[in-house]
């Protein structure tokens, strides 16, 4: 009974807040997203490997015009076989008006990373990411995000190309211009 009351109260509070997001020219956005995913790598002449990875991607963006931000995302990924660290220039666009509590966005980035592997020599890789998702602004400054990402990369070691779809959750803090 207490759980139902709590959930009902939380839903009422979240949907009764009138939040004005700070997705306007001159504002900064800092935060990041993360994901947990599982995959299998198939390579000719090698044993298939199955792995589970954790990705954490902090970012900083600047709104050059209303609803359009550019910035940098630091891409990190960890699994039992390797660790990856990269830098990704990013462009993000919000589709709805800035004063909405809920908004939709799309993002594109290109990245270059170094992969530190336990089984083979370290190598560089590059690729691009397309992301789309939604954000709920809890107040003027804080947004919770859910996104779906398509990632395509080339490993630079054997020129293997990988294609991945990942669900990611994030938190962004919007800093208002003064």
Protein backbone atom coordinates (compact mmCIF):
# COMPACT_ATOMS: atom_id res chain seq x y z
CA UNK A 1 0.00 0.00 0.00
CA UNK A 2 2.83 2.42 0.87
CA UNK A 3 4.56 1.58 -2.41
CA UNK A 4 1.45 2.44 -4.45
CA UNK A 5 1.04 5.74 -2.58
CA UNK A 6 4.72 6.60 -3.16
CA UNK A 7 4.59 5.79 -6.89
CA UNK A 8 1.34 7.71 -7.37
CA UNK A 9 2.76 10.72 -5.51
CA UNK A 10 5.98 10.61 -7.54
CA UNK A 11 4.09 10.50 -10.86
CA UNK A 12 1.86 13.42 -9.83
CA UNK A 13 4.87 15.51 -8.79
CA UNK A 14 6.83 14.74 -11.96
CA UNK A 15 3.97 15.62 -14.27
CA UNK A 16 2.89 18.72 -12.37
CA UNK A 17 6.31 20.36 -12.50
CA UNK A 18 6.55 23.10 -15.08
CA UNK A 19 10.17 23.02 -16.04
CA UNK A 20 11.80 25.41 -18.45
CA UNK A 21 14.81 23.66 -19.85
CA UNK A 22 17.98 25.55 -20.62
CA UNK A 23 18.45 24.49 -24.23
CA UNK A 24 18.89 28.03 -25.49
CA UNK A 25 21.82 29.86 -27.05
CA UNK A 26 24.74 30.57 -24.75
CA UNK A 27 24.04 27.86 -22.16
CA UNK A 28 26.28 24.95 -21.22
CA UNK A 29 25.30 21.32 -20.69
CA UNK A 30 27.45 18.86 -18.71
CA UNK A 31 26.70 15.28 -17.82
CA UNK A 32 26.92 11.95 -19.51
CA UNK A 33 25.34 8.59 -20.16
CA UNK A 34 26.08 4.99 -19.49
CA UNK A 35 25.11 1.55 -20.71
CA UNK A 36 25.64 -2.11 -19.98
CA UNK A 37 25.59 -4.54 -22.90
CA UNK A 38 26.61 -8.01 -24.03
CA UNK A 39 28.10 -9.03 -27.39
CA UNK A 40 29.84 -11.79 -29.35
CA UNK A 41 32.82 -11.15 -31.59
CA UNK A 42 33.28 -13.46 -34.58
CA UNK A 43 36.63 -13.32 -36.37
CA UNK A 44 37.80 -15.63 -39.12
CA UNK A 45 40.58 -17.88 -37.88
CA UNK A 46 39.94 -17.08 -34.20
CA UNK A 47 37.68 -18.48 -31.52
CA UNK A 48 34.47 -16.47 -31.05
CA UNK A 49 34.52 -14.39 -27.89
CA UNK A 50 31.55 -13.41 -25.78
CA UNK A 51 31.84 -10.41 -23.49
CA UNK A 52 29.85 -8.02 -21.36
CA UNK A 53 30.83 -4.33 -21.39
CA UNK A 54 30.13 -1.21 -19.41
CA UNK A 55 30.28 2.17 -21.14
CA UNK A 56 30.47 5.54 -19.40
CA UNK A 57 30.50 8.69 -21.55
CA UNK A 58 30.91 12.06 -19.77
CA UNK A 59 30.32 15.12 -21.96
CA UNK A 60 30.33 18.90 -22.11
CA UNK A 61 28.30 20.85 -24.70
CA UNK A 62 27.62 24.48 -25.60
CA UNK A 63 24.40 25.73 -27.25
CA UNK A 64 25.47 27.73 -30.31
CA UNK A 65 21.82 28.47 -31.15
CA UNK A 66 18.54 27.56 -29.46
CA UNK A 67 18.14 23.75 -29.37
CA UNK A 68 21.52 23.03 -31.07
CA UNK A 69 24.61 22.13 -29.02
CA UNK A 70 28.13 21.13 -29.98
CA UNK A 71 30.67 19.60 -27.67
CA UNK A 72 33.01 16.80 -26.67
CA UNK A 73 32.20 13.37 -25.27
CA UNK A 74 34.85 11.19 -23.63
CA UNK A 75 34.07 7.61 -24.59
CA UNK A 76 35.09 4.87 -22.18
CA UNK A 77 34.34 1.16 -22.34
CA UNK A 78 35.39 -1.69 -20.06
CA UNK A 79 35.13 -5.47 -20.44
CA UNK A 80 37.19 -8.49 -19.44
CA UNK A 81 39.25 -8.38 -22.65
CA UNK A 82 39.93 -4.69 -23.12
CA UNK A 83 39.55 -1.09 -22.05
CA UNK A 84 38.88 1.71 -24.50
CA UNK A 85 39.32 5.48 -24.11
CA UNK A 86 38.36 7.95 -26.82
CA UNK A 87 37.44 11.51 -27.70
CA UNK A 88 34.28 12.24 -29.69
CA UNK A 89 33.19 15.61 -31.09
CA UNK A 90 29.38 15.68 -30.85
CA UNK A 91 26.42 17.63 -32.28
CA UNK A 92 23.01 17.43 -30.55
CA UNK A 93 19.64 18.88 -31.61
CA UNK A 94 16.42 19.12 -29.57
CA UNK A 95 13.17 18.97 -31.56
CA UNK A 96 10.55 20.53 -29.27
CA UNK A 97 10.31 24.05 -27.87
CA UNK A 98 12.77 24.94 -25.09
CA UNK A 99 10.04 25.48 -22.48
CA UNK A 100 8.80 21.87 -22.57
CA UNK A 101 9.27 19.49 -19.63
CA UNK A 102 9.70 16.63 -22.11
CA UNK A 103 11.82 16.84 -25.25
CA UNK A 104 13.20 14.65 -28.04
CA UNK A 105 16.76 14.85 -29.33
CA UNK A 106 19.13 13.42 -31.91
CA UNK A 107 22.89 13.34 -31.67
CA UNK A 108 25.75 12.48 -33.98
CA UNK A 109 29.40 12.00 -33.08
CA UNK A 110 32.62 10.74 -34.60
CA UNK A 111 35.22 9.22 -32.36
CA UNK A 112 38.80 8.12 -32.24
CA UNK A 113 39.90 5.81 -29.42
CA UNK A 114 42.79 3.75 -28.12
CA UNK A 115 42.02 0.20 -27.08
CA UNK A 116 44.10 -1.51 -24.43
CA UNK A 117 43.71 -5.26 -24.88
CA UNK A 118 44.72 -8.17 -22.66
CA UNK A 119 44.93 -10.74 -25.47
CA UNK A 120 46.33 -8.84 -28.46
CA UNK A 121 48.44 -5.74 -29.00
CA UNK A 122 46.90 -2.36 -28.24
CA UNK A 123 45.30 -0.65 -31.21
CA UNK A 124 43.43 2.44 -32.32
CA UNK A 125 39.90 2.49 -33.66
CA UNK A 126 37.48 5.03 -35.08
CA UNK A 127 33.79 5.18 -35.79
CA UNK A 128 30.59 7.14 -35.57
CA UNK A 129 27.54 7.09 -33.36
CA UNK A 130 23.96 8.14 -34.12
CA UNK A 131 21.74 8.53 -31.08
CA UNK A 132 18.11 9.47 -30.63
CA UNK A 133 16.13 9.68 -27.45
CA UNK A 134 13.97 11.54 -25.02
CA UNK A 135 14.68 13.70 -22.00
CA UNK A 136 12.50 14.59 -19.02
CA UNK A 137 13.48 17.82 -17.30
CA UNK A 138 13.01 17.47 -13.56
CA UNK A 139 13.56 21.23 -13.16
CA UNK A 140 15.27 24.03 -15.08
CA UNK A 141 18.69 22.44 -14.78
CA UNK A 142 18.43 18.65 -14.59
CA UNK A 143 17.37 16.30 -17.38
CA UNK A 144 17.08 12.51 -17.28
CA UNK A 145 17.63 10.84 -20.66
CA UNK A 146 16.91 7.57 -22.38
CA UNK A 147 18.44 6.98 -25.78
CA UNK A 148 19.05 4.36 -28.44
CA UNK A 149 22.47 4.45 -30.12
CA UNK A 150 23.71 2.96 -33.36
CA UNK A 151 27.49 2.61 -33.29
CA UNK A 152 29.66 1.64 -36.25
CA UNK A 153 33.39 1.34 -35.82
CA UNK A 154 36.53 0.06 -37.47
CA UNK A 155 39.13 -1.48 -35.18
CA UNK A 156 42.35 -0.45 -36.91
CA UNK A 157 43.97 -3.79 -36.04
CA UNK A 158 42.41 -6.06 -38.64
CA UNK A 159 40.09 -3.48 -40.19
CA UNK A 160 37.15 -5.32 -38.62
CA UNK A 161 33.92 -3.34 -38.75
CA UNK A 162 31.47 -3.61 -35.88
CA UNK A 163 27.84 -2.47 -35.82
CA UNK A 164 26.06 -2.20 -32.48
CA UNK A 165 22.73 -0.95 -31.15
CA UNK A 166 22.73 0.05 -27.48
CA UNK A 167 20.22 1.53 -25.03
CA UNK A 168 21.77 4.22 -22.82
CA UNK A 169 20.59 6.18 -19.80
CA UNK A 170 21.96 9.58 -18.90
CA UNK A 171 21.83 12.68 -16.76
CA UNK A 172 22.51 16.19 -18.03
CA UNK A 173 22.93 19.39 -16.02
CA UNK A 174 22.07 22.56 -17.91
CA UNK A 175 23.95 25.65 -16.77
CA UNK A 176 22.11 28.89 -17.41
CA UNK A 177 23.92 31.88 -18.86
CA UNK A 178 24.14 34.90 -16.58
